[in-house]
PDB file of N, CA and C in Angstrom:
ATOM      1  N   MET A   1     -20.407  -5.161 -15.298  1.00  0.00           N
ATOM      2  CA  MET A   1     -20.094  -4.606 -13.995  1.00  0.00           C
ATOM      3  C   MET A   1     -18.657  -4.087 -14.014  1.00  0.00           C
ATOM      4  N   THR A   2     -18.450  -2.932 -13.430  1.00  0.00           N
ATOM      5  CA  THR A   2     -17.103  -2.385 -13.329  1.00  0.00           C
ATOM      6  C   THR A   2     -16.724  -2.268 -11.851  1.00  0.00           C
ATOM      7  N   TYR A   3     -15.446  -2.195 -11.619  1.00  0.00           N
ATOM      8  CA  TYR A   3     -14.931  -2.088 -10.261  1.00  0.00           C
ATOM      9  C   TYR A   3     -14.440  -0.680 -10.005  1.00  0.00           C
ATOM     10  N   LYS A   4     -14.499  -0.279  -8.743  1.00  0.00           N
ATOM     11  CA  LYS A   4     -13.947   0.999  -8.343  1.00  0.00           C
ATOM     12  C   LYS A   4     -12.440   0.954  -8.493  1.00  0.00           C
ATOM     13  N   LYS A   5     -11.857   2.003  -9.017  1.00  0.00           N
ATOM     14  CA  LYS A   5     -10.406   2.046  -9.207  1.00  0.00           C
ATOM     15  C   LYS A   5      -9.699   2.681  -8.025  1.00  0.00           C
ATOM     16  N   ARG A   6     -10.414   3.440  -7.220  1.00  0.00           N
ATOM     17  CA  ARG A   6      -9.814   4.114  -6.071  1.00  0.00           C
ATOM     18  C   ARG A   6     -10.665   3.832  -4.829  1.00  0.00           C
ATOM     19  N   PHE A   7      -9.969   3.690  -3.722  1.00  0.00           N
ATOM     20  CA  PHE A   7     -10.634   3.447  -2.457  1.00  0.00           C
ATOM     21  C   PHE A   7     -10.171   4.496  -1.456  1.00  0.00           C
ATOM     22  N   ASN A   8     -11.034   4.836  -0.528  1.00  0.00           N
ATOM     23  CA  ASN A   8     -10.707   5.816   0.495  1.00  0.00           C
ATOM     24  C   ASN A   8     -10.428   5.061   1.790  1.00  0.00           C
ATOM     25  N   LEU A   9      -9.172   4.665   1.988  1.00  0.00           N
ATOM     26  CA  LEU A   9      -8.763   3.934   3.173  1.00  0.00           C
ATOM     27  C   LEU A   9      -7.697   4.723   3.913  1.00  0.00           C
ATOM     28  N   ASN A  10      -7.776   4.721   5.234  1.00  0.00           N
ATOM     29  CA  ASN A  10      -6.739   5.405   6.006  1.00  0.00           C
ATOM     30  C   ASN A  10      -5.675   4.379   6.418  1.00  0.00           C
ATOM     31  N   PRO A  11      -4.548   4.833   6.961  1.00  0.00           N
ATOM     32  CA  PRO A  11      -3.476   3.902   7.319  1.00  0.00           C
ATOM     33  C   PRO A  11      -3.897   2.794   8.288  1.00  0.00           C
ATOM     34  N   SER A  12      -4.788   3.100   9.219  1.00  0.00           N
ATOM     35  CA  SER A  12      -5.214   2.042  10.148  1.00  0.00           C
ATOM     36  C   SER A  12      -6.070   0.992   9.439  1.00  0.00           C
ATOM     37  N   ASP A  13      -6.838   1.387   8.424  1.00  0.00           N
ATOM     38  CA  ASP A  13      -7.589   0.426   7.618  1.00  0.00           C
ATOM     39  C   ASP A  13      -6.634  -0.529   6.895  1.00  0.00           C
ATOM     40  N   ILE A  14      -5.594   0.042   6.326  1.00  0.00           N
ATOM     41  CA  ILE A  14      -4.597  -0.763   5.615  1.00  0.00           C
ATOM     42  C   ILE A  14      -3.892  -1.704   6.587  1.00  0.00           C
ATOM     43  N   ASP A  15      -3.614  -1.222   7.795  1.00  0.00           N
ATOM     44  CA  ASP A  15      -2.972  -2.058   8.808  1.00  0.00           C
ATOM     45  C   ASP A  15      -3.842  -3.261   9.161  1.00  0.00           C
ATOM     46  N   VAL A  16      -5.150  -3.057   9.310  1.00  0.00           N
ATOM     47  CA  VAL A  16      -6.070  -4.163   9.602  1.00  0.00           C
ATOM     48  C   VAL A  16      -6.069  -5.173   8.450  1.00  0.00           C
ATOM     49  N   ILE A  17      -6.100  -4.683   7.227  1.00  0.00           N
ATOM     50  CA  ILE A  17      -6.090  -5.565   6.057  1.00  0.00           C
ATOM     51  C   ILE A  17      -4.808  -6.388   6.025  1.00  0.00           C
ATOM     52  N   GLU A  18      -3.667  -5.732   6.243  1.00  0.00           N
ATOM     53  CA  GLU A  18      -2.385  -6.440   6.240  1.00  0.00           C
ATOM     54  C   GLU A  18      -2.316  -7.487   7.346  1.00  0.00           C
ATOM     55  N   THR A  19      -2.817  -7.144   8.531  1.00  0.00           N
ATOM     56  CA  THR A  19      -2.809  -8.091   9.644  1.00  0.00           C
ATOM     57  C   THR A  19      -3.647  -9.323   9.315  1.00  0.00           C
ATOM     58  N   CYS A  20      -4.821  -9.109   8.762  1.00  0.00           N
ATOM     59  CA  CYS A  20      -5.683 -10.235   8.384  1.00  0.00           C
ATOM     60  C   CYS A  20      -5.047 -11.087   7.292  1.00  0.00           C
ATOM     61  N   LEU A  21      -4.418 -10.445   6.320  1.00  0.00           N
ATOM     62  CA  LEU A  21      -3.752 -11.201   5.257  1.00  0.00           C
ATOM     63  C   LEU A  21      -2.592 -12.022   5.811  1.00  0.00           C
ATOM     64  N   ARG A  22      -1.857 -11.471   6.746  1.00  0.00           N
ATOM     65  CA  ARG A  22      -0.745 -12.221   7.347  1.00  0.00           C
ATOM     66  C   ARG A  22      -1.248 -13.410   8.157  1.00  0.00           C
ATOM     67  N   LYS A  23      -2.380 -13.249   8.860  1.00  0.00           N
ATOM     68  CA  LYS A  23      -2.968 -14.374   9.598  1.00  0.00           C
ATOM     69  C   LYS A  23      -3.431 -15.460   8.627  1.00  0.00           C
ATOM     70  N   GLU A  24      -4.052 -15.049   7.546  1.00  0.00           N
ATOM     71  CA  GLU A  24      -4.495 -16.019   6.532  1.00  0.00           C
ATOM     72  C   GLU A  24      -3.303 -16.703   5.879  1.00  0.00           C
ATOM     73  N   LEU A  25      -2.229 -15.964   5.682  1.00  0.00           N
ATOM     74  CA  LEU A  25      -1.000 -16.538   5.132  1.00  0.00           C
ATOM     75  C   LEU A  25      -0.451 -17.609   6.075  1.00  0.00           C
ATOM     76  N   HIS A  26      -0.515 -17.347   7.358  1.00  0.00           N
ATOM     77  CA  HIS A  26      -0.074 -18.323   8.355  1.00  0.00           C
ATOM     78  C   HIS A  26      -0.928 -19.598   8.282  1.00  0.00           C
ATOM     79  N   VAL A  27      -2.232 -19.443   8.166  1.00  0.00           N
ATOM     80  CA  VAL A  27      -3.136 -20.599   8.064  1.00  0.00           C
ATOM     81  C   VAL A  27      -2.834 -21.399   6.799  1.00  0.00           C
ATOM     82  N   CYS A  28      -2.672 -20.713   5.682  1.00  0.00           N
ATOM     83  CA  CYS A  28      -2.354 -21.395   4.415  1.00  0.00           C
ATOM     84  C   CYS A  28      -1.013 -22.112   4.500  1.00  0.00           C
ATOM     85  N   SER A  29      -0.056 -21.505   5.183  1.00  0.00           N
ATOM     86  CA  SER A  29       1.256 -22.113   5.333  1.00  0.00           C
ATOM     87  C   SER A  29       1.165 -23.396   6.161  1.00  0.00           C
ATOM     88  N   GLU A  30       0.375 -23.358   7.224  1.00  0.00           N
ATOM     89  CA  GLU A  30       0.190 -24.560   8.034  1.00  0.00           C
ATOM     90  C   GLU A  30      -0.498 -25.667   7.238  1.00  0.00           C
ATOM     91  N   LYS A  31      -1.511 -25.293   6.436  1.00  0.00           N
ATOM     92  CA  LYS A  31      -2.187 -26.283   5.584  1.00  0.00           C
ATOM     93  C   LYS A  31      -1.210 -26.878   4.579  1.00  0.00           C
ATOM     94  N   TYR A  32      -0.354 -26.038   4.034  1.00  0.00           N
ATOM     95  CA  TYR A  32       0.639 -26.507   3.064  1.00  0.00           C
ATOM     96  C   TYR A  32       1.590 -27.503   3.727  1.00  0.00           C
ATOM     97  N   GLN A  33       2.086 -27.162   4.904  1.00  0.00           N
ATOM     98  CA  GLN A  33       3.013 -28.058   5.603  1.00  0.00           C
ATOM     99  C   GLN A  33       2.348 -29.381   5.950  1.00  0.00           C
ATOM    100  N   GLU A  34       1.088 -29.331   6.364  1.00  0.00           N
ATOM    101  CA  GLU A  34       0.361 -30.559   6.684  1.00  0.00           C
ATOM    102  C   GLU A  34       0.134 -31.412   5.433  1.00  0.00           C
ATOM    103  N   SER A  35      -0.180 -30.763   4.316  1.00  0.00           N
ATOM    104  CA  SER A  35      -0.402 -31.521   3.083  1.00  0.00           C
ATOM    105  C   SER A  35       0.887 -32.152   2.570  1.00  0.00           C
ATOM    106  N   VAL A  36       2.029 -31.515   2.830  1.00  0.00           N
ATOM    107  CA  VAL A  36       3.317 -32.097   2.455  1.00  0.00           C
ATOM    108  C   VAL A  36       3.574 -33.347   3.301  1.00  0.00           C
ATOM    109  N   LYS A  37       3.282 -33.258   4.603  1.00  0.00           N
ATOM    110  CA  LYS A  37       3.469 -34.410   5.489  1.00  0.00           C
ATOM    111  C   LYS A  37       2.578 -35.580   5.074  1.00  0.00           C
ATOM    112  N   GLN A  38       1.336 -35.276   4.679  1.00  0.00           N
ATOM    113  CA  GLN A  38       0.378 -36.315   4.310  1.00  0.00           C
ATOM    114  C   GLN A  38       0.487 -36.713   2.840  1.00  0.00           C
ATOM    115  N   LYS A  39       1.357 -36.040   2.122  1.00  0.00           N
ATOM    116  CA  LYS A  39       1.562 -36.289   0.690  1.00  0.00           C
ATOM    117  C   LYS A  39       0.261 -36.153  -0.109  1.00  0.00           C
ATOM    118  N   ASN A  40      -0.479 -35.098   0.207  1.00  0.00           N
ATOM    119  CA  ASN A  40      -1.727 -34.790  -0.477  1.00  0.00           C
ATOM    120  C   ASN A  40      -1.432 -33.709  -1.525  1.00  0.00           C
ATOM    121  N   ALA A  41      -1.225 -34.130  -2.758  1.00  0.00           N
ATOM    122  CA  ALA A  41      -0.800 -33.215  -3.820  1.00  0.00           C
ATOM    123  C   ALA A  41      -1.858 -32.162  -4.145  1.00  0.00           C
ATOM    124  N   LYS A  42      -3.126 -32.550  -4.137  1.00  0.00           N
ATOM    125  CA  LYS A  42      -4.194 -31.598  -4.487  1.00  0.00           C
ATOM    126  C   LYS A  42      -4.269 -30.470  -3.452  1.00  0.00           C
ATOM    127  N   GLU A  43      -4.279 -30.824  -2.177  1.00  0.00           N
ATOM    128  CA  GLU A  43      -4.323 -29.824  -1.105  1.00  0.00           C
ATOM    129  C   GLU A  43      -3.053 -28.979  -1.108  1.00  0.00           C
ATOM    130  N   LYS A  44      -1.929 -29.606  -1.400  1.00  0.00           N
ATOM    131  CA  LYS A  44      -0.644 -28.895  -1.442  1.00  0.00           C
ATOM    132  C   LYS A  44      -0.673 -27.811  -2.518  1.00  0.00           C
ATOM    133  N   ASP A  45      -1.170 -28.153  -3.713  1.00  0.00           N
ATOM    134  CA  ASP A  45      -1.245 -27.183  -4.805  1.00  0.00           C
ATOM    135  C   ASP A  45      -2.200 -26.036  -4.481  1.00  0.00           C
ATOM    136  N   CYS A  46      -3.329 -26.360  -3.849  1.00  0.00           N
ATOM    137  CA  CYS A  46      -4.315 -25.344  -3.489  1.00  0.00           C
ATOM    138  C   CYS A  46      -3.725 -24.379  -2.458  1.00  0.00           C
ATOM    139  N   SER A  47      -3.042 -24.927  -1.451  1.00  0.00           N
ATOM    140  CA  SER A  47      -2.424 -24.082  -0.429  1.00  0.00           C
ATOM    141  C   SER A  47      -1.314 -23.231  -1.019  1.00  0.00           C
ATOM    142  N   LYS A  48      -0.545 -23.825  -1.928  1.00  0.00           N
ATOM    143  CA  LYS A  48       0.561 -23.089  -2.547  1.00  0.00           C
ATOM    144  C   LYS A  48       0.036 -21.908  -3.368  1.00  0.00           C
ATOM    145  N   GLN A  49      -1.083 -22.108  -4.075  1.00  0.00           N
ATOM    146  CA  GLN A  49      -1.682 -21.014  -4.849  1.00  0.00           C
ATOM    147  C   GLN A  49      -2.201 -19.906  -3.925  1.00  0.00           C
ATOM    148  N   GLY A  50      -2.794 -20.298  -2.786  1.00  0.00           N
ATOM    149  CA  GLY A  50      -3.272 -19.315  -1.817  1.00  0.00           C
ATOM    150  C   GLY A  50      -2.132 -18.499  -1.238  1.00  0.00           C
ATOM    151  N   ILE A  51      -1.032 -19.175  -0.924  1.00  0.00           N
ATOM    152  CA  ILE A  51       0.151 -18.493  -0.396  1.00  0.00           C
ATOM    153  C   ILE A  51       0.684 -17.498  -1.414  1.00  0.00           C
ATOM    154  N   ALA A  52       0.752 -17.908  -2.669  1.00  0.00           N
ATOM    155  CA  ALA A  52       1.259 -17.026  -3.730  1.00  0.00           C
ATOM    156  C   ALA A  52       0.356 -15.808  -3.917  1.00  0.00           C
ATOM    157  N   ALA A  53      -0.962 -16.016  -3.887  1.00  0.00           N
ATOM    158  CA  ALA A  53      -1.899 -14.914  -4.085  1.00  0.00           C
ATOM    159  C   ALA A  53      -1.815 -13.901  -2.935  1.00  0.00           C
ATOM    160  N   ILE A  54      -1.760 -14.390  -1.706  1.00  0.00           N
ATOM    161  CA  ILE A  54      -1.688 -13.496  -0.549  1.00  0.00           C
ATOM    162  C   ILE A  54      -0.360 -12.742  -0.533  1.00  0.00           C
ATOM    163  N   THR A  55       0.725 -13.444  -0.841  1.00  0.00           N
ATOM    164  CA  THR A  55       2.037 -12.801  -0.874  1.00  0.00           C
ATOM    165  C   THR A  55       2.079 -11.708  -1.936  1.00  0.00           C
ATOM    166  N   ALA A  56       1.494 -11.982  -3.095  1.00  0.00           N
ATOM    167  CA  ALA A  56       1.454 -10.978  -4.162  1.00  0.00           C
ATOM    168  C   ALA A  56       0.649  -9.751  -3.735  1.00  0.00           C
ATOM    169  N   LEU A  57      -0.474  -9.977  -3.068  1.00  0.00           N
ATOM    170  CA  LEU A  57      -1.301  -8.859  -2.608  1.00  0.00           C
ATOM    171  C   LEU A  57      -0.589  -8.032  -1.543  1.00  0.00           C
ATOM    172  N   LEU A  58       0.071  -8.700  -0.606  1.00  0.00           N
ATOM    173  CA  LEU A  58       0.852  -7.968   0.394  1.00  0.00           C
ATOM    174  C   LEU A  58       1.971  -7.158  -0.265  1.00  0.00           C
ATOM    175  N   GLY A  59       2.557  -7.710  -1.317  1.00  0.00           N
ATOM    176  CA  GLY A  59       3.588  -6.990  -2.056  1.00  0.00           C
ATOM    177  C   GLY A  59       3.040  -5.744  -2.729  1.00  0.00           C
ATOM    178  N   LYS A  60       1.838  -5.850  -3.298  1.00  0.00           N
ATOM    179  CA  LYS A  60       1.208  -4.682  -3.935  1.00  0.00           C
ATOM    180  C   LYS A  60       0.962  -3.573  -2.918  1.00  0.00           C
ATOM    181  N   ILE A  61       0.465  -3.966  -1.752  1.00  0.00           N
ATOM    182  CA  ILE A  61       0.210  -2.973  -0.707  1.00  0.00           C
ATOM    183  C   ILE A  61       1.520  -2.324  -0.273  1.00  0.00           C
ATOM    184  N   HIS A  62       2.538  -3.138  -0.066  1.00  0.00           N
ATOM    185  CA  HIS A  62       3.845  -2.628   0.357  1.00  0.00           C
ATOM    186  C   HIS A  62       4.403  -1.637  -0.666  1.00  0.00           C
ATOM    187  N   ASN A  63       4.299  -1.961  -1.940  1.00  0.00           N
ATOM    188  CA  ASN A  63       4.874  -1.118  -2.991  1.00  0.00           C
ATOM    189  C   ASN A  63       4.126   0.192  -3.195  1.00  0.00           C
ATOM    190  N   GLN A  64       2.895   0.301  -2.680  1.00  0.00           N
ATOM    191  CA  GLN A  64       2.135   1.536  -2.837  1.00  0.00           C
ATOM    192  C   GLN A  64       2.312   2.486  -1.655  1.00  0.00           C
ATOM    193  N   LYS A  65       3.022   2.051  -0.642  1.00  0.00           N
ATOM    194  CA  LYS A  65       3.251   2.911   0.511  1.00  0.00           C
ATOM    195  C   LYS A  65       4.317   3.948   0.187  1.00  0.00           C
ATOM    196  N   ILE A  66       4.229   5.078   0.852  1.00  0.00           N
ATOM    197  CA  ILE A  66       5.243   6.121   0.728  1.00  0.00           C
ATOM    198  C   ILE A  66       6.078   6.054   2.003  1.00  0.00           C
ATOM    199  N   TRP A  67       7.362   5.786   1.833  1.00  0.00           N
ATOM    200  CA  TRP A  67       8.259   5.645   2.975  1.00  0.00           C
ATOM    201  C   TRP A  67       8.945   6.975   3.248  1.00  0.00           C
ATOM    202  N   PHE A  68       9.098   7.304   4.514  1.00  0.00           N
ATOM    203  CA  PHE A  68       9.684   8.571   4.907  1.00  0.00           C
ATOM    204  C   PHE A  68      11.030   8.355   5.573  1.00  0.00           C
ATOM    205  N   ASP A  69      11.897   9.335   5.411  1.00  0.00           N
ATOM    206  CA  ASP A  69      13.222   9.305   6.009  1.00  0.00           C
ATOM    207  C   ASP A  69      13.077   9.424   7.522  1.00  0.00           C
ATOM    208  N   GLY A  70      13.832   8.628   8.258  1.00  0.00           N
ATOM    209  CA  GLY A  70      13.755   8.652   9.710  1.00  0.00           C
ATOM    210  C   GLY A  70      14.678   9.679  10.342  1.00  0.00           C
ATOM    211  N   ASP A  71      15.329  10.516   9.541  1.00  0.00           N
ATOM    212  CA  ASP A  71      16.252  11.518  10.057  1.00  0.00           C
ATOM    213  C   ASP A  71      15.465  12.608  10.792  1.00  0.00           C
ATOM    214  N   PRO A  72      15.747  12.834  12.082  1.00  0.00           N
ATOM    215  CA  PRO A  72      14.993  13.849  12.830  1.00  0.00           C
ATOM    216  C   PRO A  72      15.217  15.270  12.316  1.00  0.00           C
ATOM    217  N   ASP A  73      16.331  15.507  11.595  1.00  0.00           N
ATOM    218  CA  ASP A  73      16.578  16.845  11.047  1.00  0.00           C
ATOM    219  C   ASP A  73      15.730  17.138   9.813  1.00  0.00           C
ATOM    220  N   LYS A  74      15.218  16.063   9.161  1.00  0.00           N
ATOM    221  CA  LYS A  74      14.376  16.223   7.964  1.00  0.00           C
ATOM    222  C   LYS A  74      13.073  15.439   8.150  1.00  0.00           C
ATOM    223  N   PRO A  75      12.194  15.908   9.023  1.00  0.00           N
ATOM    224  CA  PRO A  75      10.975  15.147   9.276  1.00  0.00           C
ATOM    225  C   PRO A  75      10.067  15.085   8.048  1.00  0.00           C
ATOM    226  N   TRP A  76       9.512  13.938   7.838  1.00  0.00           N
ATOM    227  CA  TRP A  76       8.521  13.693   6.795  1.00  0.00           C
ATOM    228  C   TRP A  76       9.031  13.945   5.388  1.00  0.00           C
ATOM    229  N   VAL A  77      10.258  13.591   5.128  1.00  0.00           N
ATOM    230  CA  VAL A  77      10.813  13.709   3.796  1.00  0.00           C
ATOM    231  C   VAL A  77      10.683  12.341   3.131  1.00  0.00           C
ATOM    232  N   PRO A  78       9.957  12.240   2.019  1.00  0.00           N
ATOM    233  CA  PRO A  78       9.809  10.949   1.356  1.00  0.00           C
ATOM    234  C   PRO A  78      11.171  10.390   0.930  1.00  0.00           C
ATOM    235  N   LYS A  79      11.319   9.070   1.034  1.00  0.00           N
ATOM    236  CA  LYS A  79      12.584   8.421   0.689  1.00  0.00           C
ATOM    237  C   LYS A  79      12.737   8.158  -0.801  1.00  0.00           C
ATOM    238  N   GLY A  80      11.686   8.117  -1.537  1.00  0.00           N
ATOM    239  CA  GLY A  80      11.881   7.705  -2.918  1.00  0.00           C
ATOM    240  C   GLY A  80      11.149   8.408  -3.935  1.00  0.00           C
TER     241      GLY A  80
END
């Protein structure tokens, strides 16, 4: 089985994905904090791995965005 290398997503689709990932990150963070309080090492490690995976994915999405200059004299000029 092979995976698709390109997806056809618009900016609002990406926004929904990012919002859901941030909510899941919040849930994982709460689980991590609770496992630290209860000294549950297994749950702590599982939550920590989830946090790392979600953070890495959010970073990938962030790094693929094209940022534009906010100068009104040069509208829509890419920054990088």
